Amino acid sequence: MRKLTYFIACSIDGFIGDPQGDASTMYPFVSEEFLGFLTSEYPETIAVQGREAHGLHDAKHGRFDTVVQGRSSYQLALDMGITSPYGHLREFVASRTLAESPDPNVEIISEGLVARVRELKAEDSELDIWLCGGSQLAGELLDEIDELVIKTYPLVYASGMPMFGSDFAVTEFTLEDVRSFENGVLVRKYSRKD
């Protein structure tokens, strides 16, 4: 069974964006050291424009071959004229508002989200599935998430878009690894506790 990994950036207080979902205040923390970590450990999570800028056209898939993202996350790419921000992966967008996909590489999931993700997890592949965001999508898929990789930036938002937009639910995970960077960023990896 493939894992669903919620690989996400957040503030110290657990917000993935401001009240409008903007996370641009986190961008200055992408230092050379941190970018080196991302390109070596998680190259699939770097979008098309970043892959071009850093010569990652042919980077091998080490962890993921599929990405699932929410409509708001996908809209950020559409606003830049990019219809397939992760064209090097199979792309799925959970949306009740997009009637059809603007790109042949992007499949829209408008109904049966949990069932579709379970189908993806059951596929015969050695690579896992990256849950890119956002908040509401992560909340809907909380029971399906097997692993959390949380990039915590040294910022406090005080309010905004939480990591999980869902009703109260206690879900236990086990800390597997913590990595710190000179710029104050922490990357914590958790696995679902059995």
N, C-alpha and C. Protein backbone atom coordinates (compact mmCIF):
# COMPACT_ATOMS: atom_id res chain seq x y z
N MET A 1 0.86 -1.18 0.00
CA MET A 1 0.00 0.00 0.00
C MET A 1 0.90 1.24 0.00
N ARG A 2 0.59 2.16 -0.89
CA ARG A 2 1.36 3.41 -0.96
C ARG A 2 0.95 4.35 0.17
N LYS A 3 1.88 5.20 0.58
CA LYS A 3 1.59 6.16 1.63
C LYS A 3 1.11 7.48 1.03
N LEU A 4 0.25 8.14 1.77
CA LEU A 4 -0.14 9.51 1.47
C LEU A 4 0.63 10.39 2.45
N THR A 5 1.50 11.25 1.92
CA THR A 5 2.35 12.11 2.73
C THR A 5 1.93 13.55 2.58
N TYR A 6 1.56 14.16 3.68
CA TYR A 6 1.23 15.58 3.71
C TYR A 6 2.54 16.32 3.93
N PHE A 7 3.11 16.84 2.85
CA PHE A 7 4.38 17.57 2.85
C PHE A 7 4.01 19.04 2.72
N ILE A 8 4.19 19.80 3.80
CA ILE A 8 3.61 21.13 3.86
C ILE A 8 4.52 22.11 4.60
N ALA A 9 4.44 23.37 4.22
CA ALA A 9 5.15 24.45 4.92
C ALA A 9 4.17 25.13 5.86
N CYS A 10 4.67 25.51 7.05
CA CYS A 10 3.79 26.19 8.00
C CYS A 10 4.59 27.13 8.90
N SER A 11 3.86 27.98 9.58
CA SER A 11 4.45 28.86 10.58
C SER A 11 4.65 28.08 11.88
N ILE A 12 5.34 28.68 12.83
CA ILE A 12 5.56 28.04 14.13
C ILE A 12 4.23 27.66 14.78
N ASP A 13 3.22 28.51 14.58
CA ASP A 13 1.93 28.26 15.21
C ASP A 13 0.96 27.47 14.33
N GLY A 14 1.47 26.81 13.30
CA GLY A 14 0.68 25.83 12.55
C GLY A 14 -0.19 26.35 11.43
N PHE A 15 0.12 27.54 10.90
CA PHE A 15 -0.66 28.07 9.78
C PHE A 15 0.11 27.90 8.48
N ILE A 16 -0.58 27.49 7.42
CA ILE A 16 0.05 27.29 6.12
C ILE A 16 -0.10 28.52 5.22
N GLY A 17 -0.78 29.52 5.70
CA GLY A 17 -0.93 30.77 4.98
C GLY A 17 -1.67 31.76 5.84
N ASP A 18 -1.68 33.00 5.37
CA ASP A 18 -2.42 34.04 6.10
C ASP A 18 -3.92 33.80 5.92
N PRO A 19 -4.80 34.66 6.45
CA PRO A 19 -6.24 34.40 6.33
C PRO A 19 -6.74 34.24 4.88
N GLN A 20 -6.00 34.80 3.90
CA GLN A 20 -6.36 34.62 2.49
C GLN A 20 -5.62 33.44 1.84
N GLY A 21 -4.77 32.77 2.62
CA GLY A 21 -4.04 31.62 2.10
C GLY A 21 -2.67 31.96 1.53
N ASP A 22 -2.26 33.22 1.60
CA ASP A 22 -0.96 33.64 1.07
C ASP A 22 0.15 33.19 2.01
N ALA A 23 1.16 32.51 1.46
CA ALA A 23 2.30 32.04 2.26
C ALA A 23 3.60 32.68 1.79
N SER A 24 3.52 33.76 1.06
CA SER A 24 4.73 34.35 0.46
C SER A 24 5.73 34.85 1.50
N THR A 25 5.31 35.09 2.73
CA THR A 25 6.27 35.51 3.76
C THR A 25 7.24 34.39 4.13
N MET A 26 6.93 33.17 3.72
CA MET A 26 7.83 32.05 3.99
C MET A 26 8.93 31.94 2.95
N TYR A 27 8.73 32.50 1.76
CA TYR A 27 9.68 32.34 0.65
C TYR A 27 11.09 32.80 0.96
N PRO A 28 11.30 33.91 1.68
CA PRO A 28 12.68 34.33 1.94
C PRO A 28 13.52 33.33 2.74
N PHE A 29 12.88 32.35 3.36
CA PHE A 29 13.61 31.37 4.15
C PHE A 29 14.15 30.21 3.33
N VAL A 30 13.93 30.24 2.02
CA VAL A 30 14.46 29.19 1.16
C VAL A 30 15.91 29.55 0.84
N SER A 31 16.80 29.19 1.77
CA SER A 31 18.23 29.47 1.64
C SER A 31 18.89 28.43 0.74
N GLU A 32 20.16 28.65 0.44
CA GLU A 32 20.90 27.69 -0.38
C GLU A 32 20.97 26.33 0.30
N GLU A 33 21.22 26.35 1.60
CA GLU A 33 21.29 25.10 2.37
C GLU A 33 19.94 24.36 2.32
N PHE A 34 18.86 25.09 2.56
CA PHE A 34 17.54 24.48 2.59
C PHE A 34 17.13 24.01 1.20
N LEU A 35 17.43 24.80 0.17
CA LEU A 35 17.13 24.40 -1.19
C LEU A 35 17.90 23.14 -1.57
N GLY A 36 19.14 23.04 -1.10
CA GLY A 36 19.92 21.83 -1.35
C GLY A 36 19.25 20.60 -0.76
N PHE A 37 18.70 20.76 0.45
CA PHE A 37 17.96 19.67 1.09
C PHE A 37 16.74 19.29 0.25
N LEU A 38 15.96 20.29 -0.17
CA LEU A 38 14.76 20.01 -0.96
C LEU A 38 15.09 19.32 -2.27
N THR A 39 16.11 19.82 -2.97
CA THR A 39 16.43 19.25 -4.29
C THR A 39 17.03 17.85 -4.19
N SER A 40 17.66 17.53 -3.06
CA SER A 40 18.21 16.19 -2.92
C SER A 40 17.23 15.20 -2.30
N GLU A 41 16.42 15.66 -1.35
CA GLU A 41 15.51 14.76 -0.64
C GLU A 41 14.09 14.72 -1.21
N TYR A 42 13.61 15.86 -1.70
CA TYR A 42 12.22 15.96 -2.17
C TYR A 42 12.14 16.73 -3.50
N PRO A 43 12.89 16.32 -4.52
CA PRO A 43 12.91 17.09 -5.77
C PRO A 43 11.55 17.15 -6.47
N GLU A 44 10.71 16.15 -6.23
CA GLU A 44 9.40 16.12 -6.88
C GLU A 44 8.49 17.24 -6.41
N THR A 45 8.79 17.80 -5.22
CA THR A 45 7.91 18.82 -4.64
C THR A 45 8.23 20.22 -5.16
N ILE A 46 9.22 20.33 -6.01
CA ILE A 46 9.57 21.62 -6.59
C ILE A 46 8.80 21.77 -7.90
N ALA A 47 8.06 22.87 -7.99
CA ALA A 47 7.19 23.11 -9.15
C ALA A 47 8.01 23.38 -10.41
N VAL A 48 7.31 23.33 -11.54
CA VAL A 48 7.92 23.47 -12.86
C VAL A 48 8.90 24.64 -12.96
N GLN A 49 8.47 25.84 -12.55
CA GLN A 49 9.36 26.99 -12.70
C GLN A 49 10.61 26.86 -11.84
N GLY A 50 10.49 26.28 -10.66
CA GLY A 50 11.65 26.05 -9.80
C GLY A 50 12.57 24.97 -10.36
N ARG A 51 11.98 23.95 -10.95
CA ARG A 51 12.77 22.87 -11.55
C ARG A 51 13.61 23.41 -12.70
N GLU A 52 13.01 24.29 -13.50
CA GLU A 52 13.75 24.89 -14.61
C GLU A 52 14.89 25.75 -14.08
N ALA A 53 14.61 26.56 -13.08
CA ALA A 53 15.61 27.48 -12.54
C ALA A 53 16.79 26.75 -11.90
N HIS A 54 16.54 25.56 -11.37
CA HIS A 54 17.59 24.83 -10.65
C HIS A 54 18.09 23.60 -11.40
N GLY A 55 17.76 23.49 -12.68
CA GLY A 55 18.27 22.40 -13.51
C GLY A 55 17.82 21.02 -13.06
N LEU A 56 16.57 20.92 -12.62
CA LEU A 56 16.06 19.64 -12.13
C LEU A 56 15.18 18.93 -13.15
N HIS A 57 15.35 19.24 -14.43
CA HIS A 57 14.49 18.66 -15.46
C HIS A 57 14.45 17.13 -15.39
N ASP A 58 15.61 16.55 -15.17
CA ASP A 58 15.70 15.09 -15.21
C ASP A 58 15.88 14.47 -13.83
N ALA A 59 15.56 15.22 -12.77
CA ALA A 59 15.71 14.68 -11.42
C ALA A 59 14.83 13.44 -11.26
N LYS A 60 15.40 12.40 -10.72
CA LYS A 60 14.65 11.15 -10.54
C LYS A 60 13.66 11.29 -9.40
N HIS A 61 12.58 10.55 -9.52
CA HIS A 61 11.58 10.51 -8.46
C HIS A 61 12.11 9.61 -7.35
N GLY A 62 12.33 10.20 -6.19
CA GLY A 62 12.82 9.42 -5.08
C GLY A 62 11.72 8.99 -4.14
N ARG A 63 10.66 9.80 -4.05
CA ARG A 63 9.61 9.53 -3.08
C ARG A 63 8.21 9.47 -3.68
N PHE A 64 7.91 10.40 -4.58
CA PHE A 64 6.54 10.55 -5.07
C PHE A 64 6.45 10.46 -6.59
N ASP A 65 5.34 9.89 -7.06
CA ASP A 65 5.04 9.93 -8.49
C ASP A 65 3.68 10.56 -8.76
N THR A 66 2.99 10.95 -7.67
CA THR A 66 1.64 11.48 -7.76
C THR A 66 1.49 12.62 -6.76
N VAL A 67 0.74 13.67 -7.16
CA VAL A 67 0.45 14.78 -6.25
C VAL A 67 -1.06 15.02 -6.24
N VAL A 68 -1.57 15.27 -5.05
CA VAL A 68 -2.97 15.65 -4.87
C VAL A 68 -2.97 17.02 -4.21
N GLN A 69 -3.67 17.96 -4.82
CA GLN A 69 -3.73 19.29 -4.23
C GLN A 69 -5.15 19.83 -4.29
N GLY A 70 -5.39 20.83 -3.48
CA GLY A 70 -6.70 21.46 -3.45
C GLY A 70 -6.83 22.54 -4.50
N ARG A 71 -8.04 22.99 -4.67
CA ARG A 71 -8.35 24.01 -5.68
C ARG A 71 -7.61 25.31 -5.43
N SER A 72 -7.54 25.77 -4.18
CA SER A 72 -6.86 27.04 -3.88
C SER A 72 -5.37 26.94 -4.16
N SER A 73 -4.75 25.82 -3.81
CA SER A 73 -3.33 25.62 -4.10
C SER A 73 -3.09 25.63 -5.60
N TYR A 74 -3.95 24.95 -6.33
CA TYR A 74 -3.83 24.88 -7.79
C TYR A 74 -4.06 26.25 -8.42
N GLN A 75 -4.92 27.04 -7.84
CA GLN A 75 -5.22 28.36 -8.39
C GLN A 75 -3.98 29.25 -8.42
N LEU A 76 -3.07 29.08 -7.47
CA LEU A 76 -1.83 29.87 -7.47
C LEU A 76 -1.08 29.67 -8.78
N ALA A 77 -1.01 28.44 -9.26
CA ALA A 77 -0.35 28.17 -10.54
C ALA A 77 -1.15 28.73 -11.70
N LEU A 78 -2.47 28.52 -11.67
CA LEU A 78 -3.31 29.03 -12.76
C LEU A 78 -3.17 30.54 -12.89
N ASP A 79 -3.06 31.24 -11.76
CA ASP A 79 -2.90 32.70 -11.80
C ASP A 79 -1.61 33.13 -12.48
N MET A 80 -0.63 32.22 -12.53
CA MET A 80 0.64 32.50 -13.21
C MET A 80 0.65 31.95 -14.63
N GLY A 81 -0.50 31.42 -15.07
CA GLY A 81 -0.59 30.88 -16.42
C GLY A 81 -0.03 29.47 -16.54
N ILE A 82 0.13 28.78 -15.42
CA ILE A 82 0.68 27.42 -15.41
C ILE A 82 -0.46 26.45 -15.12
N THR A 83 -0.76 25.59 -16.09
CA THR A 83 -1.88 24.66 -15.92
C THR A 83 -1.46 23.30 -15.36
N SER A 84 -0.16 23.04 -15.36
CA SER A 84 0.36 21.78 -14.82
C SER A 84 1.63 22.08 -14.02
N PRO A 85 1.47 22.58 -12.77
CA PRO A 85 2.63 23.00 -12.00
C PRO A 85 3.58 21.87 -11.62
N TYR A 86 3.08 20.65 -11.62
CA TYR A 86 3.90 19.49 -11.28
C TYR A 86 3.79 18.47 -12.42
N GLY A 87 4.09 18.93 -13.62
CA GLY A 87 3.95 18.10 -14.82
C GLY A 87 4.82 16.86 -14.82
N HIS A 88 5.81 16.81 -13.95
CA HIS A 88 6.69 15.65 -13.83
C HIS A 88 6.03 14.54 -12.98
N LEU A 89 4.85 14.84 -12.40
CA LEU A 89 4.09 13.89 -11.61
C LEU A 89 2.70 13.70 -12.21
N ARG A 90 1.99 12.68 -11.76
CA ARG A 90 0.56 12.58 -12.06
C ARG A 90 -0.11 13.58 -11.13
N GLU A 91 -0.93 14.46 -11.69
CA GLU A 91 -1.53 15.53 -10.90
C GLU A 91 -3.03 15.34 -10.75
N PHE A 92 -3.50 15.49 -9.50
CA PHE A 92 -4.91 15.43 -9.19
C PHE A 92 -5.26 16.69 -8.40
N VAL A 93 -6.38 17.31 -8.77
CA VAL A 93 -6.84 18.51 -8.08
C VAL A 93 -8.25 18.23 -7.56
N ALA A 94 -8.42 18.37 -6.25
CA ALA A 94 -9.74 18.20 -5.64
C ALA A 94 -10.47 19.53 -5.76
N SER A 95 -11.57 19.52 -6.51
CA SER A 95 -12.31 20.77 -6.72
C SER A 95 -13.77 20.48 -7.03
N ARG A 96 -14.62 21.27 -6.40
CA ARG A 96 -16.05 21.20 -6.70
C ARG A 96 -16.45 22.33 -7.65
N THR A 97 -15.48 23.21 -7.97
CA THR A 97 -15.80 24.37 -8.81
C THR A 97 -15.22 24.28 -10.21
N LEU A 98 -14.17 23.50 -10.42
CA LEU A 98 -13.62 23.34 -11.77
C LEU A 98 -14.42 22.25 -12.49
N ALA A 99 -15.09 22.64 -13.54
CA ALA A 99 -15.91 21.68 -14.28
C ALA A 99 -15.06 20.71 -15.09
N GLU A 100 -13.98 21.23 -15.67
CA GLU A 100 -13.09 20.37 -16.44
C GLU A 100 -11.66 20.83 -16.26
N SER A 101 -10.73 19.94 -16.53
CA SER A 101 -9.32 20.23 -16.33
C SER A 101 -8.80 21.13 -17.46
N PRO A 102 -7.99 22.13 -17.12
CA PRO A 102 -7.39 22.96 -18.15
C PRO A 102 -6.13 22.34 -18.75
N ASP A 103 -5.77 21.14 -18.29
CA ASP A 103 -4.54 20.50 -18.77
C ASP A 103 -4.73 18.99 -18.81
N PRO A 104 -4.25 18.32 -19.86
CA PRO A 104 -4.43 16.87 -19.95
C PRO A 104 -3.71 16.09 -18.85
N ASN A 105 -2.70 16.69 -18.19
CA ASN A 105 -1.98 16.00 -17.12
C ASN A 105 -2.68 16.12 -15.77
N VAL A 106 -3.70 16.95 -15.69
CA VAL A 106 -4.37 17.22 -14.42
C VAL A 106 -5.76 16.60 -14.42
N GLU A 107 -5.99 15.68 -13.47
CA GLU A 107 -7.31 15.08 -13.31
C GLU A 107 -8.03 15.79 -12.18
N ILE A 108 -9.26 16.21 -12.44
CA ILE A 108 -10.07 16.86 -11.42
C ILE A 108 -10.85 15.80 -10.65
N ILE A 109 -10.80 15.87 -9.33
CA ILE A 109 -11.60 15.00 -8.47
C ILE A 109 -12.70 15.88 -7.89
N SER A 110 -13.90 15.72 -8.41
CA SER A 110 -15.00 16.57 -7.94
C SER A 110 -15.91 15.85 -6.95
N GLU A 111 -15.90 14.54 -6.97
CA GLU A 111 -16.71 13.74 -6.06
C GLU A 111 -15.92 12.52 -5.63
N GLY A 112 -16.27 11.96 -4.48
CA GLY A 112 -15.64 10.72 -4.04
C GLY A 112 -14.15 10.86 -3.77
N LEU A 113 -13.75 11.97 -3.14
CA LEU A 113 -12.34 12.24 -2.88
C LEU A 113 -11.66 11.12 -2.10
N VAL A 114 -12.22 10.73 -0.98
CA VAL A 114 -11.59 9.70 -0.15
C VAL A 114 -11.47 8.39 -0.91
N ALA A 115 -12.51 8.01 -1.63
CA ALA A 115 -12.47 6.77 -2.41
C ALA A 115 -11.39 6.83 -3.49
N ARG A 116 -11.26 7.98 -4.15
CA ARG A 116 -10.25 8.13 -5.21
C ARG A 116 -8.85 8.05 -4.61
N VAL A 117 -8.63 8.68 -3.48
CA VAL A 117 -7.31 8.63 -2.84
C VAL A 117 -7.01 7.20 -2.39
N ARG A 118 -8.01 6.48 -1.90
CA ARG A 118 -7.79 5.08 -1.53
C ARG A 118 -7.41 4.25 -2.75
N GLU A 119 -8.02 4.54 -3.90
CA GLU A 119 -7.63 3.85 -5.14
C GLU A 119 -6.17 4.14 -5.49
N LEU A 120 -5.78 5.40 -5.37
CA LEU A 120 -4.39 5.78 -5.67
C LEU A 120 -3.42 5.08 -4.72
N LYS A 121 -3.79 4.99 -3.45
CA LYS A 121 -2.93 4.34 -2.47
C LYS A 121 -2.80 2.84 -2.75
N ALA A 122 -3.82 2.25 -3.32
CA ALA A 122 -3.83 0.80 -3.60
C ALA A 122 -3.09 0.44 -4.89
N GLU A 123 -2.69 1.43 -5.67
CA GLU A 123 -1.98 1.15 -6.92
C GLU A 123 -0.66 0.45 -6.66
N ASP A 124 -0.22 -0.30 -7.65
CA ASP A 124 1.04 -1.01 -7.56
C ASP A 124 2.18 -0.07 -7.97
N SER A 125 2.79 0.56 -6.99
CA SER A 125 3.90 1.48 -7.23
C SER A 125 4.77 1.50 -5.99
N GLU A 126 6.07 1.67 -6.20
CA GLU A 126 6.99 1.77 -5.07
C GLU A 126 7.09 3.20 -4.56
N LEU A 127 6.50 4.14 -5.30
CA LEU A 127 6.55 5.55 -4.91
C LEU A 127 5.23 5.96 -4.28
N ASP A 128 5.31 6.96 -3.44
CA ASP A 128 4.15 7.38 -2.66
C ASP A 128 3.43 8.57 -3.29
N ILE A 129 2.44 9.07 -2.57
CA ILE A 129 1.57 10.15 -3.03
C ILE A 129 1.81 11.36 -2.14
N TRP A 130 2.01 12.50 -2.77
CA TRP A 130 2.24 13.74 -2.05
C TRP A 130 0.94 14.53 -1.95
N LEU A 131 0.51 14.81 -0.73
CA LEU A 131 -0.61 15.70 -0.50
C LEU A 131 -0.01 17.09 -0.35
N CYS A 132 -0.27 17.94 -1.33
CA CYS A 132 0.36 19.25 -1.44
C CYS A 132 -0.38 20.31 -0.62
N GLY A 133 -1.61 20.13 -0.38
CA GLY A 133 -2.41 21.14 0.33
C GLY A 133 -3.69 21.33 -0.43
N GLY A 134 -4.54 22.03 0.14
CA GLY A 134 -4.46 22.89 1.28
C GLY A 134 -5.21 22.39 2.50
N SER A 135 -5.56 23.35 3.28
CA SER A 135 -6.11 23.14 4.60
C SER A 135 -7.37 22.27 4.60
N GLN A 136 -8.36 22.63 3.82
CA GLN A 136 -9.63 21.88 3.78
C GLN A 136 -9.41 20.47 3.25
N LEU A 137 -8.59 20.35 2.22
CA LEU A 137 -8.29 19.05 1.64
C LEU A 137 -7.62 18.15 2.68
N ALA A 138 -6.64 18.69 3.40
CA ALA A 138 -5.95 17.90 4.42
C ALA A 138 -6.93 17.48 5.51
N GLY A 139 -7.85 18.36 5.86
CA GLY A 139 -8.86 18.01 6.86
C GLY A 139 -9.75 16.87 6.39
N GLU A 140 -10.15 16.91 5.12
CA GLU A 140 -10.99 15.84 4.57
C GLU A 140 -10.25 14.51 4.49
N LEU A 141 -8.94 14.58 4.29
CA LEU A 141 -8.15 13.37 4.09
C LEU A 141 -7.36 12.95 5.34
N LEU A 142 -7.63 13.56 6.48
CA LEU A 142 -6.86 13.28 7.69
C LEU A 142 -6.76 11.78 7.98
N ASP A 143 -7.83 11.05 7.84
CA ASP A 143 -7.81 9.62 8.14
C ASP A 143 -6.98 8.81 7.13
N GLU A 144 -6.68 9.41 5.99
CA GLU A 144 -5.90 8.71 4.95
C GLU A 144 -4.42 9.07 4.99
N ILE A 145 -4.05 10.09 5.75
CA ILE A 145 -2.66 10.55 5.78
C ILE A 145 -1.82 9.59 6.62
N ASP A 146 -0.75 9.07 6.00
CA ASP A 146 0.13 8.11 6.65
C ASP A 146 1.38 8.76 7.22
N GLU A 147 1.74 9.90 6.64
CA GLU A 147 3.00 10.54 7.02
C GLU A 147 2.85 12.05 6.92
N LEU A 148 3.50 12.76 7.84
CA LEU A 148 3.56 14.23 7.81
C LEU A 148 5.01 14.63 7.65
N VAL A 149 5.29 15.52 6.72
CA VAL A 149 6.60 16.16 6.63
C VAL A 149 6.31 17.64 6.69
N ILE A 150 6.66 18.24 7.83
CA ILE A 150 6.27 19.63 8.11
C ILE A 150 7.50 20.51 8.10
N LYS A 151 7.53 21.42 7.13
CA LYS A 151 8.60 22.42 7.05
C LYS A 151 8.11 23.62 7.87
N THR A 152 8.69 23.81 9.05
CA THR A 152 8.26 24.89 9.94
C THR A 152 9.20 26.08 9.80
N TYR A 153 8.62 27.20 9.40
CA TYR A 153 9.40 28.43 9.21
C TYR A 153 9.34 29.27 10.48
N PRO A 154 10.42 30.02 10.80
CA PRO A 154 10.47 30.78 12.05
C PRO A 154 9.62 32.05 12.00
N LEU A 155 8.34 31.85 11.84
CA LEU A 155 7.36 32.94 11.76
C LEU A 155 6.16 32.58 12.62
N VAL A 156 5.53 33.59 13.20
CA VAL A 156 4.25 33.41 13.89
C VAL A 156 3.21 34.21 13.11
N TYR A 157 2.14 33.56 12.71
CA TYR A 157 1.07 34.23 11.96
C TYR A 157 -0.05 34.73 12.88
N ALA A 158 -0.26 34.07 13.98
CA ALA A 158 -1.32 34.41 14.95
C ALA A 158 -2.72 34.06 14.47
N SER A 159 -2.96 34.09 13.18
CA SER A 159 -4.21 33.60 12.61
C SER A 159 -3.95 33.32 11.14
N GLY A 160 -4.87 32.63 10.52
CA GLY A 160 -4.70 32.33 9.11
C GLY A 160 -5.30 30.99 8.75
N MET A 161 -4.72 30.35 7.75
CA MET A 161 -5.19 29.07 7.26
C MET A 161 -4.46 27.95 8.02
N PRO A 162 -5.19 27.17 8.82
CA PRO A 162 -4.53 26.12 9.61
C PRO A 162 -4.08 24.95 8.73
N MET A 163 -3.16 24.15 9.26
CA MET A 163 -2.70 22.97 8.52
C MET A 163 -3.85 22.04 8.18
N PHE A 164 -4.80 21.93 9.11
CA PHE A 164 -5.95 21.06 8.89
C PHE A 164 -7.23 21.85 9.10
N GLY A 165 -7.97 22.06 8.05
CA GLY A 165 -9.26 22.72 8.14
C GLY A 165 -10.33 21.66 8.35
N SER A 166 -10.52 21.27 9.60
CA SER A 166 -11.47 20.19 9.88
C SER A 166 -12.03 20.38 11.28
N ASP A 167 -13.00 19.54 11.61
CA ASP A 167 -13.52 19.52 12.97
C ASP A 167 -12.47 18.93 13.89
N PHE A 168 -12.66 19.13 15.18
CA PHE A 168 -11.73 18.61 16.17
C PHE A 168 -11.60 17.10 16.03
N ALA A 169 -10.36 16.64 15.96
CA ALA A 169 -10.09 15.20 15.89
C ALA A 169 -8.68 14.96 16.38
N VAL A 170 -8.52 14.11 17.35
CA VAL A 170 -7.19 13.77 17.85
C VAL A 170 -6.67 12.60 17.02
N THR A 171 -5.55 12.80 16.38
CA THR A 171 -4.93 11.77 15.56
C THR A 171 -3.47 11.71 15.97
N GLU A 172 -3.00 10.54 16.35
CA GLU A 172 -1.65 10.44 16.90
C GLU A 172 -0.64 10.03 15.83
N PHE A 173 0.48 10.73 15.83
CA PHE A 173 1.59 10.43 14.95
C PHE A 173 2.86 10.27 15.79
N THR A 174 3.84 9.54 15.26
CA THR A 174 5.11 9.32 15.93
C THR A 174 6.21 10.11 15.22
N LEU A 175 6.98 10.86 15.98
CA LEU A 175 8.09 11.63 15.41
C LEU A 175 9.18 10.68 14.93
N GLU A 176 9.56 10.81 13.67
CA GLU A 176 10.59 9.95 13.08
C GLU A 176 11.93 10.67 12.92
N ASP A 177 11.88 11.97 12.63
CA ASP A 177 13.11 12.69 12.33
C ASP A 177 12.88 14.19 12.45
N VAL A 178 13.93 14.91 12.85
CA VAL A 178 13.91 16.37 12.88
C VAL A 178 15.21 16.85 12.26
N ARG A 179 15.09 17.79 11.37
CA ARG A 179 16.28 18.39 10.76
C ARG A 179 16.17 19.90 10.90
N SER A 180 17.25 20.54 11.33
CA SER A 180 17.24 21.99 11.47
C SER A 180 18.23 22.62 10.49
N PHE A 181 17.94 23.86 10.13
CA PHE A 181 18.75 24.59 9.18
C PHE A 181 19.18 25.91 9.78
N GLU A 182 20.28 26.46 9.27
CA GLU A 182 20.84 27.70 9.80
C GLU A 182 19.86 28.87 9.75
N ASN A 183 18.93 28.84 8.81
CA ASN A 183 17.97 29.95 8.66
C ASN A 183 16.79 29.84 9.63
N GLY A 184 16.82 28.85 10.52
CA GLY A 184 15.77 28.69 11.51
C GLY A 184 14.65 27.75 11.11
N VAL A 185 14.69 27.21 9.91
CA VAL A 185 13.67 26.27 9.44
C VAL A 185 13.92 24.91 10.09
N LEU A 186 12.83 24.27 10.48
CA LEU A 186 12.85 22.89 10.97
C LEU A 186 12.03 22.03 10.02
N VAL A 187 12.49 20.82 9.76
CA VAL A 187 11.70 19.86 9.00
C VAL A 187 11.50 18.66 9.90
N ARG A 188 10.23 18.42 10.25
CA ARG A 188 9.88 17.29 11.11
C ARG A 188 9.13 16.25 10.29
N LYS A 189 9.47 15.01 10.54
CA LYS A 189 8.82 13.91 9.83
C LYS A 189 8.13 13.03 10.86
N TYR A 190 6.84 12.77 10.64
CA TYR A 190 6.03 11.94 11.53
C TYR A 190 5.38 10.82 10.73
N SER A 191 5.17 9.69 11.39
CA SER A 191 4.37 8.62 10.77
C SER A 191 3.16 8.36 11.64
N ARG A 192 2.08 7.93 10.99
CA ARG A 192 0.85 7.64 11.73
C ARG A 192 1.11 6.53 12.73
N LYS A 193 0.65 6.75 13.95
CA LYS A 193 0.83 5.77 15.00
C LYS A 193 -0.23 4.68 14.83
N ASP A 194 0.21 3.44 14.85
CA ASP A 194 -0.73 2.31 14.69
C ASP A 194 -1.48 2.03 15.96
